[in-house]
Amino acid sequence: MRQKNLELMVGLFVMLGLAAFVVLAVKVSDLTRIGENDGYRITARFENIGGLKVKAPVALGGVRVGRVVGIDLDPQSYEAVVTMAIDPRHNRLPTDSSASILTSGLLGEQYVGLEPGGMDSYLSQGGVIRLTQSALVLEKLIGRVLTSVASGDAPKP
């Protein structure tokens, strides 16, 4: 009898561990959002998107309001066209809002940060954000600093 109780407890412990692993996997992979309404889609053009990826968050004031659903290249202007799905609850984003590609932390993932404008008209399905700021590419910044130091143009402390 004691052996059966021990086996039952071990089996229950293993099942709880597997269930916790499945819940963690679903949370990490963001499968909880499958089947939800994707909201309305807006686009923005950037000269450089850095390491931005599809499914990256779109945040307004630090709050996630959507996600990146597509990244394409405009063959005429050679700009990256980023398509974002914004949650329908956040349908009052002014048309003169701006978008920037930011990094969470020093070496974290990149995301699109939105700054609201002041106009009374709002973005809707197919809207375009015209004011954008590209990603800061660390390699280019380091290259500029090294070039200015080598040429003697660096500011003296």
N, C-alpha and C. Protein backbone atom coordinates (compact mmCIF):
# COMPACT_ATOMS: atom_id res chain seq x y z
N MET A 1 0.82 -1.19 0.00
CA MET A 1 0.00 0.00 0.00
C MET A 1 0.87 1.25 0.00
N ARG A 2 1.92 1.22 0.82
CA ARG A 2 2.82 2.35 0.91
C ARG A 2 3.50 2.61 -0.44
N GLN A 3 3.87 1.52 -1.14
CA GLN A 3 4.53 1.64 -2.43
C GLN A 3 3.60 2.30 -3.45
N LYS A 4 2.32 1.95 -3.43
CA LYS A 4 1.36 2.55 -4.37
C LYS A 4 1.18 4.03 -4.09
N ASN A 5 1.12 4.42 -2.82
CA ASN A 5 0.98 5.84 -2.48
C ASN A 5 2.20 6.64 -2.95
N LEU A 6 3.37 6.07 -2.78
CA LEU A 6 4.59 6.74 -3.22
C LEU A 6 4.60 6.90 -4.74
N GLU A 7 4.22 5.84 -5.45
CA GLU A 7 4.17 5.92 -6.91
C GLU A 7 3.12 6.93 -7.37
N LEU A 8 2.00 6.97 -6.70
CA LEU A 8 0.95 7.93 -7.03
C LEU A 8 1.43 9.37 -6.81
N MET A 9 2.13 9.62 -5.73
CA MET A 9 2.64 10.97 -5.43
C MET A 9 3.70 11.38 -6.46
N VAL A 10 4.59 10.46 -6.80
CA VAL A 10 5.62 10.76 -7.81
C VAL A 10 4.96 11.04 -9.15
N GLY A 11 3.99 10.24 -9.53
CA GLY A 11 3.27 10.45 -10.79
C GLY A 11 2.56 11.80 -10.82
N LEU A 12 1.93 12.17 -9.72
CA LEU A 12 1.25 13.47 -9.61
C LEU A 12 2.25 14.61 -9.72
N PHE A 13 3.40 14.46 -9.07
CA PHE A 13 4.45 15.48 -9.12
C PHE A 13 4.95 15.66 -10.55
N VAL A 14 5.16 14.56 -11.27
CA VAL A 14 5.63 14.63 -12.66
C VAL A 14 4.57 15.28 -13.54
N MET A 15 3.31 14.96 -13.35
CA MET A 15 2.23 15.57 -14.14
C MET A 15 2.14 17.07 -13.89
N LEU A 16 2.28 17.51 -12.64
CA LEU A 16 2.26 18.95 -12.34
C LEU A 16 3.46 19.65 -12.98
N GLY A 17 4.61 19.01 -12.97
CA GLY A 17 5.80 19.58 -13.62
C GLY A 17 5.60 19.74 -15.12
N LEU A 18 5.02 18.73 -15.76
CA LEU A 18 4.75 18.82 -17.20
C LEU A 18 3.72 19.90 -17.51
N ALA A 19 2.70 20.01 -16.69
CA ALA A 19 1.68 21.05 -16.90
C ALA A 19 2.30 22.44 -16.75
N ALA A 20 3.17 22.61 -15.77
CA ALA A 20 3.84 23.90 -15.60
C ALA A 20 4.73 24.21 -16.79
N PHE A 21 5.40 23.20 -17.34
CA PHE A 21 6.24 23.39 -18.52
C PHE A 21 5.40 23.81 -19.72
N VAL A 22 4.25 23.19 -19.93
CA VAL A 22 3.37 23.55 -21.05
C VAL A 22 2.87 24.99 -20.90
N VAL A 23 2.47 25.39 -19.70
CA VAL A 23 2.00 26.76 -19.46
C VAL A 23 3.13 27.75 -19.75
N LEU A 24 4.33 27.46 -19.31
CA LEU A 24 5.47 28.32 -19.56
C LEU A 24 5.76 28.43 -21.06
N ALA A 25 5.70 27.32 -21.77
CA ALA A 25 5.96 27.33 -23.22
C ALA A 25 4.92 28.16 -23.96
N VAL A 26 3.64 28.07 -23.55
CA VAL A 26 2.59 28.85 -24.19
C VAL A 26 2.78 30.34 -23.92
N LYS A 27 3.14 30.70 -22.70
CA LYS A 27 3.37 32.11 -22.36
C LYS A 27 4.55 32.69 -23.13
N VAL A 28 5.65 31.95 -23.19
CA VAL A 28 6.85 32.44 -23.86
C VAL A 28 6.63 32.58 -25.36
N SER A 29 5.93 31.65 -25.97
CA SER A 29 5.72 31.70 -27.42
C SER A 29 4.55 32.59 -27.82
N ASP A 30 3.86 33.16 -26.87
CA ASP A 30 2.75 34.09 -27.10
C ASP A 30 1.61 33.43 -27.87
N LEU A 31 1.38 32.15 -27.63
CA LEU A 31 0.28 31.44 -28.28
C LEU A 31 -1.07 31.85 -27.72
N THR A 32 -1.07 32.57 -26.61
CA THR A 32 -2.34 32.98 -26.02
C THR A 32 -3.05 34.00 -26.90
N ARG A 33 -2.32 34.66 -27.80
CA ARG A 33 -2.91 35.68 -28.65
C ARG A 33 -3.47 35.10 -29.94
N ILE A 34 -3.25 33.81 -30.20
CA ILE A 34 -3.77 33.21 -31.41
C ILE A 34 -5.29 33.19 -31.34
N GLY A 35 -5.92 33.60 -32.43
CA GLY A 35 -7.37 33.62 -32.48
C GLY A 35 -7.97 34.95 -32.07
N GLU A 36 -7.18 35.83 -31.48
CA GLU A 36 -7.69 37.14 -31.11
C GLU A 36 -7.76 38.03 -32.35
N ASN A 37 -8.58 39.05 -32.27
CA ASN A 37 -8.68 40.01 -33.36
C ASN A 37 -7.35 40.76 -33.46
N ASP A 38 -6.80 40.81 -34.66
CA ASP A 38 -5.50 41.46 -34.85
C ASP A 38 -5.60 42.98 -34.77
N GLY A 39 -6.77 43.55 -34.72
CA GLY A 39 -6.90 44.99 -34.63
C GLY A 39 -6.74 45.65 -35.98
N TYR A 40 -6.51 46.95 -35.96
CA TYR A 40 -6.34 47.66 -37.22
C TYR A 40 -4.86 47.77 -37.54
N ARG A 41 -4.56 47.83 -38.84
CA ARG A 41 -3.17 47.83 -39.28
C ARG A 41 -2.75 49.21 -39.76
N ILE A 42 -1.57 49.60 -39.32
CA ILE A 42 -0.97 50.86 -39.75
C ILE A 42 0.46 50.56 -40.20
N THR A 43 1.04 51.48 -40.99
CA THR A 43 2.39 51.27 -41.47
C THR A 43 3.27 52.48 -41.15
N ALA A 44 4.57 52.24 -41.15
CA ALA A 44 5.56 53.29 -40.97
C ALA A 44 6.79 52.91 -41.78
N ARG A 45 7.49 53.92 -42.30
CA ARG A 45 8.69 53.68 -43.11
C ARG A 45 9.92 54.12 -42.31
N PHE A 46 10.96 53.28 -42.36
CA PHE A 46 12.20 53.55 -41.64
C PHE A 46 13.37 53.37 -42.59
N GLU A 47 14.42 54.18 -42.39
CA GLU A 47 15.64 54.00 -43.17
C GLU A 47 16.38 52.73 -42.74
N ASN A 48 16.34 52.43 -41.44
CA ASN A 48 17.04 51.26 -40.92
C ASN A 48 16.23 50.71 -39.74
N ILE A 49 15.90 49.43 -39.80
CA ILE A 49 15.13 48.84 -38.70
C ILE A 49 16.00 48.03 -37.74
N GLY A 50 17.29 47.98 -37.99
CA GLY A 50 18.17 47.23 -37.09
C GLY A 50 17.76 45.77 -37.02
N GLY A 51 17.56 45.26 -35.82
CA GLY A 51 17.19 43.87 -35.62
C GLY A 51 15.71 43.66 -35.33
N LEU A 52 14.87 44.61 -35.76
CA LEU A 52 13.42 44.47 -35.52
C LEU A 52 12.90 43.24 -36.24
N LYS A 53 12.03 42.51 -35.57
CA LYS A 53 11.48 41.28 -36.14
C LYS A 53 9.96 41.30 -36.12
N VAL A 54 9.37 40.48 -36.97
CA VAL A 54 7.92 40.28 -36.95
C VAL A 54 7.55 39.72 -35.58
N LYS A 55 6.45 40.13 -35.04
CA LYS A 55 5.92 39.80 -33.71
C LYS A 55 6.56 40.61 -32.60
N ALA A 56 7.42 41.58 -32.96
CA ALA A 56 8.00 42.46 -31.94
C ALA A 56 6.89 43.34 -31.37
N PRO A 57 6.98 43.74 -30.12
CA PRO A 57 5.94 44.57 -29.52
C PRO A 57 5.91 45.98 -30.10
N VAL A 58 4.72 46.58 -30.05
CA VAL A 58 4.53 48.00 -30.34
C VAL A 58 4.03 48.61 -29.04
N ALA A 59 4.75 49.60 -28.53
CA ALA A 59 4.42 50.16 -27.22
C ALA A 59 4.13 51.65 -27.31
N LEU A 60 3.23 52.10 -26.47
CA LEU A 60 2.87 53.51 -26.34
C LEU A 60 2.95 53.83 -24.85
N GLY A 61 3.89 54.69 -24.48
CA GLY A 61 4.08 55.02 -23.07
C GLY A 61 4.50 53.84 -22.23
N GLY A 62 5.21 52.87 -22.85
CA GLY A 62 5.67 51.69 -22.14
C GLY A 62 4.64 50.58 -22.05
N VAL A 63 3.43 50.82 -22.58
CA VAL A 63 2.37 49.82 -22.54
C VAL A 63 2.24 49.18 -23.92
N ARG A 64 2.21 47.87 -23.97
CA ARG A 64 2.08 47.17 -25.25
C ARG A 64 0.69 47.41 -25.82
N VAL A 65 0.64 47.98 -27.03
CA VAL A 65 -0.64 48.28 -27.68
C VAL A 65 -0.81 47.52 -28.98
N GLY A 66 0.20 46.77 -29.39
CA GLY A 66 0.11 46.02 -30.64
C GLY A 66 1.38 45.23 -30.88
N ARG A 67 1.52 44.78 -32.14
CA ARG A 67 2.72 44.03 -32.51
C ARG A 67 3.02 44.24 -33.98
N VAL A 68 4.25 43.98 -34.35
CA VAL A 68 4.68 44.07 -35.74
C VAL A 68 4.19 42.82 -36.46
N VAL A 69 3.49 43.00 -37.58
CA VAL A 69 2.95 41.85 -38.32
C VAL A 69 3.62 41.68 -39.68
N GLY A 70 4.40 42.66 -40.11
CA GLY A 70 5.06 42.52 -41.40
C GLY A 70 6.19 43.51 -41.58
N ILE A 71 7.23 43.08 -42.28
CA ILE A 71 8.36 43.95 -42.61
C ILE A 71 8.68 43.71 -44.08
N ASP A 72 8.65 44.77 -44.87
CA ASP A 72 8.95 44.69 -46.30
C ASP A 72 9.91 45.79 -46.69
N LEU A 73 10.45 45.69 -47.91
CA LEU A 73 11.34 46.71 -48.45
C LEU A 73 10.67 47.38 -49.63
N ASP A 74 10.59 48.70 -49.62
CA ASP A 74 10.05 49.46 -50.74
C ASP A 74 11.11 49.50 -51.83
N PRO A 75 10.85 48.92 -53.02
CA PRO A 75 11.89 48.86 -54.05
C PRO A 75 12.25 50.22 -54.65
N GLN A 76 11.39 51.23 -54.52
CA GLN A 76 11.71 52.55 -55.06
C GLN A 76 12.58 53.37 -54.11
N SER A 77 12.19 53.43 -52.85
CA SER A 77 12.90 54.29 -51.91
C SER A 77 13.93 53.52 -51.07
N TYR A 78 13.92 52.19 -51.15
CA TYR A 78 14.80 51.33 -50.35
C TYR A 78 14.63 51.56 -48.86
N GLU A 79 13.42 51.87 -48.46
CA GLU A 79 13.11 52.01 -47.04
C GLU A 79 12.38 50.76 -46.57
N ALA A 80 12.54 50.46 -45.30
CA ALA A 80 11.82 49.34 -44.70
C ALA A 80 10.41 49.80 -44.36
N VAL A 81 9.42 49.04 -44.77
CA VAL A 81 8.02 49.34 -44.48
C VAL A 81 7.56 48.36 -43.40
N VAL A 82 7.24 48.89 -42.23
CA VAL A 82 6.85 48.08 -41.09
C VAL A 82 5.34 48.18 -40.92
N THR A 83 4.67 47.05 -40.94
CA THR A 83 3.22 46.99 -40.73
C THR A 83 2.96 46.53 -39.31
N MET A 84 2.10 47.29 -38.62
CA MET A 84 1.80 46.99 -37.22
C MET A 84 0.30 46.76 -37.05
N ALA A 85 -0.06 45.79 -36.20
CA ALA A 85 -1.45 45.57 -35.83
C ALA A 85 -1.65 46.18 -34.45
N ILE A 86 -2.53 47.17 -34.38
CA ILE A 86 -2.80 47.87 -33.13
C ILE A 86 -4.12 47.35 -32.55
N ASP A 87 -4.10 47.06 -31.27
CA ASP A 87 -5.30 46.57 -30.58
C ASP A 87 -6.44 47.56 -30.77
N PRO A 88 -7.64 47.09 -31.10
CA PRO A 88 -8.76 48.00 -31.34
C PRO A 88 -9.14 48.85 -30.12
N ARG A 89 -8.73 48.44 -28.93
CA ARG A 89 -9.02 49.26 -27.74
C ARG A 89 -8.26 50.58 -27.77
N HIS A 90 -7.18 50.63 -28.56
CA HIS A 90 -6.34 51.84 -28.65
C HIS A 90 -6.57 52.50 -30.00
N ASN A 91 -7.81 52.91 -30.25
CA ASN A 91 -8.19 53.44 -31.55
C ASN A 91 -8.14 54.97 -31.61
N ARG A 92 -7.53 55.61 -30.65
CA ARG A 92 -7.46 57.08 -30.64
C ARG A 92 -6.01 57.55 -30.73
N LEU A 93 -5.27 56.98 -31.68
CA LEU A 93 -3.89 57.37 -31.92
C LEU A 93 -3.89 58.48 -32.97
N PRO A 94 -3.49 59.70 -32.59
CA PRO A 94 -3.55 60.84 -33.53
C PRO A 94 -2.74 60.59 -34.80
N THR A 95 -3.19 61.18 -35.91
CA THR A 95 -2.54 60.97 -37.21
C THR A 95 -1.13 61.55 -37.27
N ASP A 96 -0.79 62.51 -36.40
CA ASP A 96 0.56 63.08 -36.42
C ASP A 96 1.47 62.42 -35.38
N SER A 97 1.16 61.21 -34.98
CA SER A 97 1.99 60.48 -34.04
C SER A 97 3.31 60.10 -34.70
N SER A 98 4.30 59.77 -33.88
CA SER A 98 5.60 59.37 -34.41
C SER A 98 5.94 57.96 -33.93
N ALA A 99 6.82 57.31 -34.68
CA ALA A 99 7.25 55.95 -34.35
C ALA A 99 8.77 55.90 -34.36
N SER A 100 9.34 55.21 -33.37
CA SER A 100 10.78 55.03 -33.26
C SER A 100 11.07 53.56 -33.00
N ILE A 101 12.21 53.12 -33.48
CA ILE A 101 12.64 51.76 -33.16
C ILE A 101 13.58 51.86 -31.97
N LEU A 102 13.18 51.23 -30.88
CA LEU A 102 13.90 51.33 -29.61
C LEU A 102 14.38 49.95 -29.18
N THR A 103 15.25 49.92 -28.20
CA THR A 103 15.76 48.66 -27.65
C THR A 103 15.42 48.61 -26.18
N SER A 104 14.88 47.48 -25.75
CA SER A 104 14.57 47.32 -24.33
C SER A 104 15.84 46.86 -23.62
N GLY A 105 16.39 47.74 -22.81
CA GLY A 105 17.65 47.45 -22.13
C GLY A 105 18.83 47.69 -23.05
N LEU A 106 20.01 47.38 -22.56
CA LEU A 106 21.22 47.63 -23.33
C LEU A 106 21.36 46.68 -24.52
N LEU A 107 21.09 45.42 -24.31
CA LEU A 107 21.21 44.44 -25.39
C LEU A 107 19.91 43.68 -25.62
N GLY A 108 18.79 44.27 -25.25
CA GLY A 108 17.51 43.59 -25.35
C GLY A 108 16.93 43.60 -26.76
N GLU A 109 15.72 43.07 -26.87
CA GLU A 109 15.06 43.02 -28.17
C GLU A 109 14.60 44.40 -28.59
N GLN A 110 14.43 44.57 -29.89
CA GLN A 110 13.97 45.85 -30.40
C GLN A 110 12.46 45.83 -30.54
N TYR A 111 11.88 47.01 -30.38
CA TYR A 111 10.44 47.16 -30.50
C TYR A 111 10.13 48.53 -31.09
N VAL A 112 8.88 48.73 -31.49
CA VAL A 112 8.46 50.02 -32.04
C VAL A 112 7.81 50.81 -30.91
N GLY A 113 8.33 51.99 -30.66
CA GLY A 113 7.77 52.89 -29.66
C GLY A 113 6.98 53.99 -30.34
N LEU A 114 5.75 54.20 -29.92
CA LEU A 114 4.90 55.24 -30.50
C LEU A 114 4.81 56.43 -29.55
N GLU A 115 4.81 57.62 -30.11
CA GLU A 115 4.61 58.86 -29.36
C GLU A 115 3.38 59.53 -29.94
N PRO A 116 2.36 59.79 -29.14
CA PRO A 116 1.13 60.38 -29.68
C PRO A 116 1.35 61.84 -30.08
N GLY A 117 0.67 62.23 -31.13
CA GLY A 117 0.71 63.62 -31.59
C GLY A 117 -0.41 64.41 -30.92
N GLY A 118 -0.77 65.53 -31.53
CA GLY A 118 -1.77 66.39 -30.92
C GLY A 118 -2.99 66.66 -31.79
N MET A 119 -3.08 66.03 -32.95
CA MET A 119 -4.21 66.30 -33.85
C MET A 119 -5.50 65.67 -33.34
N ASP A 120 -6.61 66.18 -33.86
CA ASP A 120 -7.92 65.66 -33.46
C ASP A 120 -8.38 64.49 -34.33
N SER A 121 -7.67 64.22 -35.43
CA SER A 121 -8.02 63.08 -36.27
C SER A 121 -7.15 61.90 -35.86
N TYR A 122 -7.67 60.70 -36.07
CA TYR A 122 -7.01 59.50 -35.56
C TYR A 122 -6.68 58.52 -36.67
N LEU A 123 -5.61 57.74 -36.45
CA LEU A 123 -5.23 56.70 -37.39
C LEU A 123 -6.27 55.59 -37.37
N SER A 124 -6.51 55.01 -38.53
CA SER A 124 -7.44 53.89 -38.62
C SER A 124 -6.82 52.85 -39.55
N GLN A 125 -7.60 51.87 -39.96
CA GLN A 125 -7.12 50.80 -40.84
C GLN A 125 -6.41 51.40 -42.06
N GLY A 126 -5.17 50.97 -42.29
CA GLY A 126 -4.41 51.45 -43.44
C GLY A 126 -3.70 52.77 -43.22
N GLY A 127 -3.76 53.31 -42.00
CA GLY A 127 -3.11 54.59 -41.70
C GLY A 127 -1.60 54.50 -41.81
N VAL A 128 -0.97 55.66 -42.04
CA VAL A 128 0.49 55.71 -42.19
C VAL A 128 1.06 56.71 -41.20
N ILE A 129 2.07 56.27 -40.46
CA ILE A 129 2.81 57.17 -39.56
C ILE A 129 3.95 57.76 -40.37
N ARG A 130 3.97 59.07 -40.50
CA ARG A 130 4.96 59.73 -41.35
C ARG A 130 6.22 60.14 -40.59
N LEU A 131 6.11 60.43 -39.31
CA LEU A 131 7.27 60.84 -38.51
C LEU A 131 7.91 59.60 -37.89
N THR A 132 9.09 59.24 -38.37
CA THR A 132 9.75 58.04 -37.86
C THR A 132 11.21 58.32 -37.53
N GLN A 133 11.74 57.50 -36.63
CA GLN A 133 13.15 57.56 -36.27
C GLN A 133 13.69 56.14 -36.34
N SER A 134 14.71 55.95 -37.15
CA SER A 134 15.28 54.62 -37.36
C SER A 134 16.01 54.12 -36.14
N ALA A 135 16.37 52.84 -36.20
CA ALA A 135 17.10 52.20 -35.11
C ALA A 135 18.50 52.79 -35.01
N LEU A 136 19.00 52.86 -33.80
CA LEU A 136 20.37 53.29 -33.56
C LEU A 136 21.26 52.07 -33.73
N VAL A 137 22.13 52.12 -34.73
CA VAL A 137 23.02 50.99 -35.00
C VAL A 137 24.32 51.24 -34.25
N LEU A 138 24.58 50.40 -33.28
CA LEU A 138 25.72 50.57 -32.39
C LEU A 138 27.05 50.57 -33.16
N GLU A 139 27.16 49.73 -34.17
CA GLU A 139 28.41 49.66 -34.94
C GLU A 139 28.71 50.99 -35.63
N LYS A 140 27.66 51.63 -36.20
CA LYS A 140 27.86 52.92 -36.87
C LYS A 140 28.28 53.99 -35.87
N LEU A 141 27.65 53.98 -34.70
CA LEU A 141 27.98 54.95 -33.67
C LEU A 141 29.43 54.80 -33.20
N ILE A 142 29.85 53.57 -32.98
CA ILE A 142 31.24 53.32 -32.57
C ILE A 142 32.19 53.74 -33.68
N GLY A 143 31.84 53.47 -34.93
CA GLY A 143 32.66 53.87 -36.06
C GLY A 143 32.84 55.37 -36.14
N ARG A 144 31.76 56.12 -35.89
CA ARG A 144 31.85 57.58 -35.90
C ARG A 144 32.75 58.09 -34.80
N VAL A 145 32.62 57.51 -33.62
CA VAL A 145 33.46 57.94 -32.50
C VAL A 145 34.93 57.66 -32.80
N LEU A 146 35.22 56.46 -33.30
CA LEU A 146 36.61 56.12 -33.61
C LEU A 146 37.17 57.00 -34.72
N THR A 147 36.35 57.32 -35.72
CA THR A 147 36.79 58.19 -36.80
C THR A 147 37.10 59.59 -36.29
N SER A 148 36.23 60.11 -35.41
CA SER A 148 36.47 61.46 -34.89
C SER A 148 37.67 61.49 -33.96
N VAL A 149 37.91 60.42 -33.21
CA VAL A 149 39.09 60.35 -32.34
C VAL A 149 40.36 60.29 -33.19
N ALA A 150 40.33 59.48 -34.25
CA ALA A 150 41.50 59.32 -35.10
C ALA A 150 41.84 60.62 -35.85
N SER A 151 40.81 61.39 -36.20
CA SER A 151 41.07 62.65 -36.94
C SER A 151 41.36 63.80 -36.02
N GLY A 152 41.23 63.61 -34.73
CA GLY A 152 41.53 64.66 -33.77
C GLY A 152 40.37 65.61 -33.52
N ASP A 153 39.17 65.27 -34.00
CA ASP A 153 37.99 66.14 -33.81
C ASP A 153 37.24 65.83 -32.53
N ALA A 154 37.70 64.88 -31.76
CA ALA A 154 36.99 64.49 -30.56
C ALA A 154 37.04 65.61 -29.53
N PRO A 155 35.95 65.83 -28.82
CA PRO A 155 35.95 66.86 -27.78
C PRO A 155 36.90 66.49 -26.66
N LYS A 156 37.59 67.49 -26.16
CA LYS A 156 38.54 67.26 -25.08
C LYS A 156 37.85 67.42 -23.74
N PRO A 157 38.14 66.51 -22.78
CA PRO A 157 37.47 66.59 -21.47
C PRO A 157 37.90 67.78 -20.65
